[in-house]
C-alpha atoms as a PDB file:
ATOM      1  CA  UNK A   1     106.049  74.722  81.518  1.00  0.00           C
ATOM      2  CA  UNK A   2     104.751  71.199  82.101  1.00  0.00           C
ATOM      3  CA  UNK A   3     106.228  69.647  85.503  1.00  0.00           C
ATOM      4  CA  UNK A   4     105.042  66.438  84.867  1.00  0.00           C
ATOM      5  CA  UNK A   5     107.852  65.031  82.903  1.00  0.00           C
ATOM      6  CA  UNK A   6     110.892  66.849  82.626  1.00  0.00           C
ATOM      7  CA  UNK A   7     114.260  66.420  80.306  1.00  0.00           C
ATOM      8  CA  UNK A   8     117.358  67.452  81.981  1.00  0.00           C
ATOM      9  CA  UNK A   9     117.235  70.623  80.665  1.00  0.00           C
ATOM     10  CA  UNK A  10     113.960  71.566  81.608  1.00  0.00           C
ATOM     11  CA  UNK A  11     115.440  70.498  84.966  1.00  0.00           C
ATOM     12  CA  UNK A  12     118.172  73.165  84.946  1.00  0.00           C
ATOM     13  CA  UNK A  13     115.521  75.424  83.584  1.00  0.00           C
ATOM     14  CA  UNK A  14     113.245  74.992  86.859  1.00  0.00           C
ATOM     15  CA  UNK A  15     116.385  75.468  89.121  1.00  0.00           C
ATOM     16  CA  UNK A  16     117.053  79.129  87.341  1.00  0.00           C
ATOM     17  CA  UNK A  17     113.422  79.923  87.551  1.00  0.00           C
ATOM     18  CA  UNK A  18     113.666  79.131  91.373  1.00  0.00           C
ATOM     19  CA  UNK A  19     116.842  80.846  92.124  1.00  0.00           C
ATOM     20  CA  UNK A  20     115.576  84.480  92.771  1.00  0.00           C
ATOM     21  CA  UNK A  21     112.622  83.215  95.096  1.00  0.00           C
ATOM     22  CA  UNK A  22     114.989  81.410  96.343  1.00  0.00           C
ATOM     23  CA  UNK A  23     117.267  84.881  97.413  1.00  0.00           C
ATOM     24  CA  UNK A  24     114.064  87.011  97.756  1.00  0.00           C
ATOM     25  CA  UNK A  25     112.963  84.713 100.851  1.00  0.00           C
ATOM     26  CA  UNK A  26     116.256  83.782 102.256  1.00  0.00           C
ATOM     27  CA  UNK A  27     116.247  84.306 105.818  1.00  0.00           C
ATOM     28  CA  UNK A  28     112.421  85.249 105.892  1.00  0.00           C
ATOM     29  CA  UNK A  29     109.880  83.705 108.410  1.00  0.00           C
ATOM     30  CA  UNK A  30     107.240  81.629 106.129  1.00  0.00           C
ATOM     31  CA  UNK A  31     103.679  80.222 108.051  1.00  0.00           C
ATOM     32  CA  UNK A  32     102.164  77.149 106.321  1.00  0.00           C
ATOM     33  CA  UNK A  33      98.793  76.832 107.539  1.00  0.00           C
ATOM     34  CA  UNK A  34      98.552  73.132 107.224  1.00  0.00           C
ATOM     35  CA  UNK A  35      94.965  71.382 107.322  1.00  0.00           C
ATOM     36  CA  UNK A  36      91.854  69.792 104.932  1.00  0.00           C
ATOM     37  CA  UNK A  37      92.372  66.815 103.418  1.00  0.00           C
ATOM     38  CA  UNK A  38      95.821  67.254 102.858  1.00  0.00           C
ATOM     39  CA  UNK A  39      96.481  66.251 106.294  1.00  0.00           C
ATOM     40  CA  UNK A  40      94.483  62.697 105.949  1.00  0.00           C
ATOM     41  CA  UNK A  41      96.483  61.630 103.092  1.00  0.00           C
ATOM     42  CA  UNK A  42      99.234  59.841 103.510  1.00  0.00           C
ATOM     43  CA  UNK A  43     101.527  60.570 100.954  1.00  0.00           C
ATOM     44  CA  UNK A  44     100.225  63.608 100.317  1.00  0.00           C
ATOM     45  CA  UNK A  45     101.252  64.524 104.047  1.00  0.00           C
ATOM     46  CA  UNK A  46     104.986  63.309 102.909  1.00  0.00           C
ATOM     47  CA  UNK A  47     104.811  65.538 100.377  1.00  0.00           C
ATOM     48  CA  UNK A  48     103.830  68.609 102.358  1.00  0.00           C
ATOM     49  CA  UNK A  49     106.471  67.861 104.843  1.00  0.00           C
ATOM     50  CA  UNK A  50     108.949  67.509 102.514  1.00  0.00           C
ATOM     51  CA  UNK A  51     108.170  70.846 100.888  1.00  0.00           C
ATOM     52  CA  UNK A  52     108.305  72.279 103.873  1.00  0.00           C
ATOM     53  CA  UNK A  53     111.909  70.831 104.552  1.00  0.00           C
ATOM     54  CA  UNK A  54     113.112  72.233 101.284  1.00  0.00           C
ATOM     55  CA  UNK A  55     111.688  75.501 101.947  1.00  0.00           C
ATOM     56  CA  UNK A  56     114.015  75.340 105.519  1.00  0.00           C
ATOM     57  CA  UNK A  57     117.019  73.938 103.740  1.00  0.00           C
ATOM     58  CA  UNK A  58     117.443  76.894 101.520  1.00  0.00           C
ATOM     59  CA  UNK A  59     117.234  79.253 103.729  1.00  0.00           C
ATOM     60  CA  UNK A  60     113.929  80.547 104.839  1.00  0.00           C
ATOM     61  CA  UNK A  61     112.870  79.688 108.371  1.00  0.00           C
ATOM     62  CA  UNK A  62     109.261  77.996 108.186  1.00  0.00           C
ATOM     63  CA  UNK A  63     106.545  77.724 110.717  1.00  0.00           C
ATOM     64  CA  UNK A  64     103.903  75.195 110.672  1.00  0.00           C
ATOM     65  CA  UNK A  65     100.494  75.626 112.257  1.00  0.00           C
ATOM     66  CA  UNK A  66      98.248  72.941 111.655  1.00  0.00           C
ATOM     67  CA  UNK A  67      94.509  72.024 112.340  1.00  0.00           C
ATOM     68  CA  UNK A  68      92.801  68.472 112.709  1.00  0.00           C
ATOM     69  CA  UNK A  69      89.026  69.304 112.535  1.00  0.00           C
ATOM     70  CA  UNK A  70      88.603  66.107 110.709  1.00  0.00           C
ATOM     71  CA  UNK A  71      90.171  63.707 113.088  1.00  0.00           C
ATOM     72  CA  UNK A  72      88.533  65.292 116.543  1.00  0.00           C
ATOM     73  CA  UNK A  73      85.398  64.550 114.285  1.00  0.00           C
ATOM     74  CA  UNK A  74      85.595  61.326 113.813  1.00  0.00           C
ATOM     75  CA  UNK A  75      86.873  60.679 117.871  1.00  0.00           C
ATOM     76  CA  UNK A  76      84.037  62.468 118.811  1.00  0.00           C
ATOM     77  CA  UNK A  77      81.260  60.864 116.831  1.00  0.00           C
ATOM     78  CA  UNK A  78      83.078  57.598 118.082  1.00  0.00           C
ATOM     79  CA  UNK A  79      82.021  58.781 121.863  1.00  0.00           C
ATOM     80  CA  UNK A  80      78.316  59.095 120.356  1.00  0.00           C
ATOM     81  CA  UNK A  81      78.647  62.543 119.970  1.00  0.00           C
ATOM     82  CA  UNK A  82      77.159  64.728 117.261  1.00  0.00           C
ATOM     83  CA  UNK A  83      80.051  66.969 116.356  1.00  0.00           C
ATOM     84  CA  UNK A  84      78.354  70.751 116.345  1.00  0.00           C
ATOM     85  CA  UNK A  85      79.338  74.046 114.416  1.00  0.00           C
ATOM     86  CA  UNK A  86      78.143  77.785 114.433  1.00  0.00           C
ATOM     87  CA  UNK A  87      79.154  79.811 111.955  1.00  0.00           C
ATOM     88  CA  UNK A  88      82.148  77.123 111.154  1.00  0.00           C
ATOM     89  CA  UNK A  89      83.451  77.077 115.009  1.00  0.00           C
ATOM     90  CA  UNK A  90      82.900  74.047 116.333  1.00  0.00           C
ATOM     91  CA  UNK A  91      80.887  73.551 119.769  1.00  0.00           C
ATOM     92  CA  UNK A  92      83.584  72.444 122.456  1.00  0.00           C
ATOM     93  CA  UNK A  93      82.401  70.907 125.817  1.00  0.00           C
ATOM     94  CA  UNK A  94      84.458  69.969 128.264  1.00  0.00           C
ATOM     95  CA  UNK A  95      84.805  66.153 126.877  1.00  0.00           C
ATOM     96  CA  UNK A  96      85.041  67.424 123.510  1.00  0.00           C
ATOM     97  CA  UNK A  97      88.095  69.484 124.685  1.00  0.00           C
ATOM     98  CA  UNK A  98      89.786  66.690 126.028  1.00  0.00           C
ATOM     99  CA  UNK A  99      89.316  64.896 122.534  1.00  0.00           C
ATOM    100  CA  UNK A 100      90.687  68.166 120.890  1.00  0.00           C
ATOM    101  CA  UNK A 101      93.697  68.175 122.937  1.00  0.00           C
ATOM    102  CA  UNK A 102      94.361  64.559 122.679  1.00  0.00           C
ATOM    103  CA  UNK A 103      93.964  64.486 118.873  1.00  0.00           C
ATOM    104  CA  UNK A 104      96.118  67.869 118.291  1.00  0.00           C
ATOM    105  CA  UNK A 105      99.068  66.296 120.124  1.00  0.00           C
ATOM    106  CA  UNK A 106      98.866  63.170 118.365  1.00  0.00           C
ATOM    107  CA  UNK A 107      98.418  65.255 114.980  1.00  0.00           C
ATOM    108  CA  UNK A 108     101.619  67.404 116.043  1.00  0.00           C
ATOM    109  CA  UNK A 109     104.271  64.661 117.259  1.00  0.00           C
ATOM    110  CA  UNK A 110     103.528  62.981 113.762  1.00  0.00           C
ATOM    111  CA  UNK A 111     104.193  66.230 111.831  1.00  0.00           C
ATOM    112  CA  UNK A 112     107.477  66.351 114.073  1.00  0.00           C
ATOM    113  CA  UNK A 113     108.300  63.052 113.170  1.00  0.00           C
ATOM    114  CA  UNK A 114     107.733  63.489 109.512  1.00  0.00           C
ATOM    115  CA  UNK A 115     110.023  66.901 109.544  1.00  0.00           C
ATOM    116  CA  UNK A 116     112.694  64.935 111.310  1.00  0.00           C
ATOM    117  CA  UNK A 117     112.419  61.756 108.944  1.00  0.00           C
ATOM    118  CA  UNK A 118     114.088  64.556 106.092  1.00  0.00           C
ATOM    119  CA  UNK A 119     116.787  65.712 108.142  1.00  0.00           C
ATOM    120  CA  UNK A 120     115.037  68.808 109.825  1.00  0.00           C
ATOM    121  CA  UNK A 121     115.152  70.040 113.648  1.00  0.00           C
ATOM    122  CA  UNK A 122     111.524  70.551 114.519  1.00  0.00           C
ATOM    123  CA  UNK A 123     109.790  70.744 117.596  1.00  0.00           C
ATOM    124  CA  UNK A 124     106.307  70.351 118.146  1.00  0.00           C
ATOM    125  CA  UNK A 125     103.862  72.920 120.797  1.00  0.00           C
ATOM    126  CA  UNK A 126     101.002  74.700 121.281  1.00  0.00           C
ATOM    127  CA  UNK A 127      99.651  77.617 121.883  1.00  0.00           C
ATOM    128  CA  UNK A 128      99.686  76.339 126.111  1.00  0.00           C
ATOM    129  CA  UNK A 129     103.443  76.147 126.076  1.00  0.00           C
ATOM    130  CA  UNK A 130     105.156  79.598 126.587  1.00  0.00           C
ATOM    131  CA  UNK A 131     101.893  81.152 126.683  1.00  0.00           C
ATOM    132  CA  UNK A 132     102.078  81.550 123.503  1.00  0.00           C
ATOM    133  CA  UNK A 133      98.251  82.242 122.307  1.00  0.00           C
ATOM    134  CA  UNK A 134      96.387  83.761 124.964  1.00  0.00           C
ATOM    135  CA  UNK A 135      92.777  83.578 124.434  1.00  0.00           C
ATOM    136  CA  UNK A 136      89.362  84.949 125.454  1.00  0.00           C
ATOM    137  CA  UNK A 137      86.417  83.056 125.685  1.00  0.00           C
ATOM    138  CA  UNK A 138      84.713  83.393 121.933  1.00  0.00           C
ATOM    139  CA  UNK A 139      81.231  83.722 121.124  1.00  0.00           C
ATOM    140  CA  UNK A 140      79.390  83.499 117.769  1.00  0.00           C
ATOM    141  CA  UNK A 141      76.641  85.509 116.697  1.00  0.00           C
ATOM    142  CA  UNK A 142      76.036  86.180 120.466  1.00  0.00           C
ATOM    143  CA  UNK A 143      76.054  82.479 121.484  1.00  0.00           C
ATOM    144  CA  UNK A 144      78.393  80.540 123.573  1.00  0.00           C
ATOM    145  CA  UNK A 145      80.028  77.513 122.351  1.00  0.00           C
ATOM    146  CA  UNK A 146      81.997  76.565 125.232  1.00  0.00           C
ATOM    147  CA  UNK A 147      85.909  76.283 125.502  1.00  0.00           C
ATOM    148  CA  UNK A 148      86.848  78.107 122.107  1.00  0.00           C
ATOM    149  CA  UNK A 149      89.279  80.720 122.110  1.00  0.00           C
ATOM    150  CA  UNK A 150      89.716  83.998 120.518  1.00  0.00           C
ATOM    151  CA  UNK A 151      93.024  84.818 120.471  1.00  0.00           C
ATOM    152  CA  UNK A 152      94.120  88.371 121.574  1.00  0.00           C
ATOM    153  CA  UNK A 153      97.995  87.821 122.176  1.00  0.00           C
ATOM    154  CA  UNK A 154     100.837  85.711 120.706  1.00  0.00           C
ATOM    155  CA  UNK A 155     104.340  86.275 122.845  1.00  0.00           C
ATOM    156  CA  UNK A 156     106.433  85.177 120.323  1.00  0.00           C
ATOM    157  CA  UNK A 157     109.272  84.636 122.863  1.00  0.00           C
ATOM    158  CA  UNK A 158     109.105  80.806 122.538  1.00  0.00           C
ATOM    159  CA  UNK A 159     108.666  80.739 118.628  1.00  0.00           C
ATOM    160  CA  UNK A 160     111.491  83.224 118.142  1.00  0.00           C
ATOM    161  CA  UNK A 161     113.777  81.186 120.308  1.00  0.00           C
ATOM    162  CA  UNK A 162     113.077  77.566 118.149  1.00  0.00           C
ATOM    163  CA  UNK A 163     113.425  79.731 115.120  1.00  0.00           C
ATOM    164  CA  UNK A 164     116.716  81.470 115.956  1.00  0.00           C
ATOM    165  CA  UNK A 165     118.160  77.560 117.497  1.00  0.00           C
ATOM    166  CA  UNK A 166     117.274  76.358 113.715  1.00  0.00           C
ATOM    167  CA  UNK A 167     114.390  74.537 114.980  1.00  0.00           C
ATOM    168  CA  UNK A 168     111.172  74.409 112.291  1.00  0.00           C
ATOM    169  CA  UNK A 169     108.144  74.738 115.261  1.00  0.00           C
ATOM    170  CA  UNK A 170     105.325  73.405 114.709  1.00  0.00           C
ATOM    171  CA  UNK A 171     102.121  74.698 116.477  1.00  0.00           C
ATOM    172  CA  UNK A 172      98.839  73.265 117.756  1.00  0.00           C
ATOM    173  CA  UNK A 173      96.376  75.479 118.217  1.00  0.00           C
ATOM    174  CA  UNK A 174      95.169  75.656 122.089  1.00  0.00           C
ATOM    175  CA  UNK A 175      96.042  78.607 124.051  1.00  0.00           C
ATOM    176  CA  UNK A 176      94.907  79.493 127.344  1.00  0.00           C
ATOM    177  CA  UNK A 177      92.894  82.014 129.388  1.00  0.00           C
ATOM    178  CA  UNK A 178      93.479  84.655 132.073  1.00  0.00           C
ATOM    179  CA  UNK A 179      92.778  81.478 134.693  1.00  0.00           C
ATOM    180  CA  UNK A 180      94.954  79.685 132.421  1.00  0.00           C
ATOM    181  CA  UNK A 181      91.945  77.142 131.008  1.00  0.00           C
ATOM    182  CA  UNK A 182      92.946  75.871 127.729  1.00  0.00           C
ATOM    183  CA  UNK A 183      90.677  76.446 124.623  1.00  0.00           C
ATOM    184  CA  UNK A 184      90.286  74.976 121.243  1.00  0.00           C
ATOM    185  CA  UNK A 185      91.339  77.772 118.866  1.00  0.00           C
ATOM    186  CA  UNK A 186      90.251  78.102 114.853  1.00  0.00           C
ATOM    187  CA  UNK A 187      93.836  76.951 113.113  1.00  0.00           C
ATOM    188  CA  UNK A 188      93.053  79.851 110.542  1.00  0.00           C
ATOM    189  CA  UNK A 189      93.132  82.163 113.183  1.00  0.00           C
ATOM    190  CA  UNK A 190      95.812  80.921 114.866  1.00  0.00           C
ATOM    191  CA  UNK A 191      97.957  80.776 111.754  1.00  0.00           C
ATOM    192  CA  UNK A 192      97.408  84.509 111.112  1.00  0.00           C
ATOM    193  CA  UNK A 193      97.905  85.360 114.236  1.00  0.00           C
ATOM    194  CA  UNK A 194     101.097  84.225 114.628  1.00  0.00           C
ATOM    195  CA  UNK A 195     101.909  85.401 110.833  1.00  0.00           C
ATOM    196  CA  UNK A 196     101.503  88.946 112.226  1.00  0.00           C
ATOM    197  CA  UNK A 197     103.446  88.734 115.646  1.00  0.00           C
ATOM    198  CA  UNK A 198     106.333  87.076 113.593  1.00  0.00           C
ATOM    199  CA  UNK A 199     105.651  89.821 110.517  1.00  0.00           C
ATOM    200  CA  UNK A 200     106.282  86.547 108.147  1.00  0.00           C
ATOM    201  CA  UNK A 201     106.981  87.584 104.752  1.00  0.00           C
ATOM    202  CA  UNK A 202     104.280  84.844 103.631  1.00  0.00           C
ATOM    203  CA  UNK A 203     101.546  82.838 104.906  1.00  0.00           C
ATOM    204  CA  UNK A 204     100.228  80.199 102.635  1.00  0.00           C
ATOM    205  CA  UNK A 205      96.625  78.163 103.181  1.00  0.00           C
ATOM    206  CA  UNK A 206      96.474  74.511 102.162  1.00  0.00           C
ATOM    207  CA  UNK A 207      92.852  73.739 101.463  1.00  0.00           C
ATOM    208  CA  UNK A 208      90.390  71.633  99.951  1.00  0.00           C
ATOM    209  CA  UNK A 209      89.775  73.782  97.000  1.00  0.00           C
ATOM    210  CA  UNK A 210      91.952  75.365  93.908  1.00  0.00           C
ATOM    211  CA  UNK A 211      91.558  78.608  95.332  1.00  0.00           C
ATOM    212  CA  UNK A 212      89.251  81.480  94.956  1.00  0.00           C
ATOM    213  CA  UNK A 213      87.328  81.265  92.475  1.00  0.00           C
ATOM    214  CA  UNK A 214      84.681  84.136  90.912  1.00  0.00           C
ATOM    215  CA  UNK A 215      82.218  81.024  90.237  1.00  0.00           C
ATOM    216  CA  UNK A 216      83.318  78.498  93.325  1.00  0.00           C
ATOM    217  CA  UNK A 217      81.062  75.976  91.037  1.00  0.00           C
ATOM    218  CA  UNK A 218      83.567  76.428  88.226  1.00  0.00           C
ATOM    219  CA  UNK A 219      87.234  76.223  88.426  1.00  0.00           C
ATOM    220  CA  UNK A 220      88.420  77.524  85.499  1.00  0.00           C
ATOM    221  CA  UNK A 221      87.299  80.911  87.118  1.00  0.00           C
ATOM    222  CA  UNK A 222      90.168  80.943  89.455  1.00  0.00           C
ATOM    223  CA  UNK A 223      91.490  84.234  90.338  1.00  0.00           C
ATOM    224  CA  UNK A 224      95.456  84.160  90.635  1.00  0.00           C
ATOM    225  CA  UNK A 225      95.752  87.187  91.754  1.00  0.00           C
ATOM    226  CA  UNK A 226      93.459  89.499  93.952  1.00  0.00           C
ATOM    227  CA  UNK A 227      94.492  93.072  96.114  1.00  0.00           C
ATOM    228  CA  UNK A 228      92.636  93.146  99.298  1.00  0.00           C
ATOM    229  CA  UNK A 229      90.379  95.911  97.968  1.00  0.00           C
ATOM    230  CA  UNK A 230      89.784  93.570  95.115  1.00  0.00           C
ATOM    231  CA  UNK A 231      88.547  90.842  97.607  1.00  0.00           C
ATOM    232  CA  UNK A 232      86.697  92.888  99.260  1.00  0.00           C
ATOM    233  CA  UNK A 233      84.462  93.858  96.307  1.00  0.00           C
ATOM    234  CA  UNK A 234      84.394  90.282  95.737  1.00  0.00           C
ATOM    235  CA  UNK A 235      82.840  89.309  99.152  1.00  0.00           C
ATOM    236  CA  UNK A 236      80.499  92.291  99.329  1.00  0.00           C
ATOM    237  CA  UNK A 237      79.151  91.078  95.453  1.00  0.00           C
ATOM    238  CA  UNK A 238      78.442  87.969  97.090  1.00  0.00           C
ATOM    239  CA  UNK A 239      81.279  85.958  94.865  1.00  0.00           C
ATOM    240  CA  UNK A 240      82.817  84.734  98.147  1.00  0.00           C
ATOM    241  CA  UNK A 241      80.788  83.046 100.416  1.00  0.00           C
ATOM    242  CA  UNK A 242      80.432  79.741 102.916  1.00  0.00           C
ATOM    243  CA  UNK A 243      83.467  78.437 104.716  1.00  0.00           C
ATOM    244  CA  UNK A 244      85.816  80.742 102.125  1.00  0.00           C
ATOM    245  CA  UNK A 245      84.276  84.233 103.527  1.00  0.00           C
ATOM    246  CA  UNK A 246      85.896  83.842 107.197  1.00  0.00           C
ATOM    247  CA  UNK A 247      89.219  82.851 105.344  1.00  0.00           C
ATOM    248  CA  UNK A 248      88.996  85.854 102.909  1.00  0.00           C
ATOM    249  CA  UNK A 249      88.338  88.123 106.002  1.00  0.00           C
ATOM    250  CA  UNK A 250      91.411  86.371 107.399  1.00  0.00           C
ATOM    251  CA  UNK A 251      93.679  86.861 104.813  1.00  0.00           C
ATOM    252  CA  UNK A 252      92.825  90.577 104.743  1.00  0.00           C
ATOM    253  CA  UNK A 253      93.626  91.048 108.115  1.00  0.00           C
ATOM    254  CA  UNK A 254      96.780  89.472 108.011  1.00  0.00           C
ATOM    255  CA  UNK A 255      97.620  91.478 104.993  1.00  0.00           C
ATOM    256  CA  UNK A 256      96.782  95.102 106.736  1.00  0.00           C
ATOM    257  CA  UNK A 257      98.632  93.983 110.092  1.00  0.00           C
ATOM    258  CA  UNK A 258     101.830  93.302 108.366  1.00  0.00           C
ATOM    259  CA  UNK A 259     102.284  89.853 106.693  1.00  0.00           C
ATOM    260  CA  UNK A 260     103.971  90.080 103.175  1.00  0.00           C
ATOM    261  CA  UNK A 261     101.200  88.085 101.311  1.00  0.00           C
ATOM    262  CA  UNK A 262      98.829  85.534 101.427  1.00  0.00           C
ATOM    263  CA  UNK A 263      98.426  82.581  99.379  1.00  0.00           C
ATOM    264  CA  UNK A 264      95.440  80.143  99.018  1.00  0.00           C
ATOM    265  CA  UNK A 265      96.890  76.630  97.671  1.00  0.00           C
ATOM    266  CA  UNK A 266      95.207  73.614  96.975  1.00  0.00           C
ATOM    267  CA  UNK A 267      96.949  71.013  99.364  1.00  0.00           C
ATOM    268  CA  UNK A 268      95.845  67.932  97.596  1.00  0.00           C
ATOM    269  CA  UNK A 269      98.016  68.837  94.724  1.00  0.00           C
ATOM    270  CA  UNK A 270     101.361  67.263  94.804  1.00  0.00           C
ATOM    271  CA  UNK A 271     104.209  69.927  96.295  1.00  0.00           C
ATOM    272  CA  UNK A 272     102.105  72.623  96.063  1.00  0.00           C
ATOM    273  CA  UNK A 273     103.882  74.765  97.981  1.00  0.00           C
ATOM    274  CA  UNK A 274     107.422  74.183  95.817  1.00  0.00           C
ATOM    275  CA  UNK A 275     104.943  75.215  92.678  1.00  0.00           C
ATOM    276  CA  UNK A 276     103.941  78.214  94.589  1.00  0.00           C
ATOM    277  CA  UNK A 277     107.471  79.420  96.234  1.00  0.00           C
ATOM    278  CA  UNK A 278     109.186  78.789  92.934  1.00  0.00           C
ATOM    279  CA  UNK A 279     107.898  79.193  89.698  1.00  0.00           C
ATOM    280  CA  UNK A 280     106.957  82.667  88.169  1.00  0.00           C
ATOM    281  CA  UNK A 281     103.435  81.154  87.659  1.00  0.00           C
ATOM    282  CA  UNK A 282     102.815  80.105  91.128  1.00  0.00           C
ATOM    283  CA  UNK A 283      99.550  78.213  91.677  1.00  0.00           C
ATOM    284  CA  UNK A 284      96.384  78.802  93.752  1.00  0.00           C
ATOM    285  CA  UNK A 285      95.143  82.758  94.831  1.00  0.00           C
ATOM    286  CA  UNK A 286      97.895  85.359  95.827  1.00  0.00           C
ATOM    287  CA  UNK A 287      96.689  88.078  97.973  1.00  0.00           C
ATOM    288  CA  UNK A 288      98.830  91.104  98.215  1.00  0.00           C
ATOM    289  CA  UNK A 289      97.753  94.837  99.727  1.00  0.00           C
END
């Protein structure tokens, strides 16, 4: 169906098409990991938040977990420091950690403001609140990368209370260790851990690519559906690499730990969440057990 222009009959067809999905996800927790270019473009940002607002209004229980990597890199550069990454994770010294907290808090409250503007009650937190995200210091390839944490426990008490009180939680990926030191957390890791702990029906990643492609350089090779077994086979064959590799491993782990399905979408596409949740064809790549 063509979604760029709809007759009155087409509009009715779209609503009817959405009905079984609204019924299937009513009352279910869905986690949206929000990041990439979709966070930088103001128009796309408004569309994403409108989509999440609609998910809430039709009875779902959405949770947003956001990143802020591009904004953090911008502010780190303004301080005269060069952003450094090891295996996709940001090397985070004390000064960079302070910048990350400042930026993520700003992003967090901006998203809450947009949710409220769409008539949805929302609360912004980070993993420090309620000791929601407990971490241990991460190392990558045996290298200490500073104040970067690996999540070892999610306390869902605060999140569940907010969900039960009809709020949409917006979560920034900052956690605490045993000594109550703050650590930056990879937002994909945070979204997966939260989705697993809440037993989410669906986890959706908004990214800067169309989904998983057999040939990463050719978007016409997009794979609409993958089982976890098929995804691992593609990894073994070398079809999946670069920044997509840790994301795929996150997806597989999430499903193996109880998340119903995981979807990788192009967050730059207008209303990508609605197209994924409410249409038969969907978009991006869906990964199932």
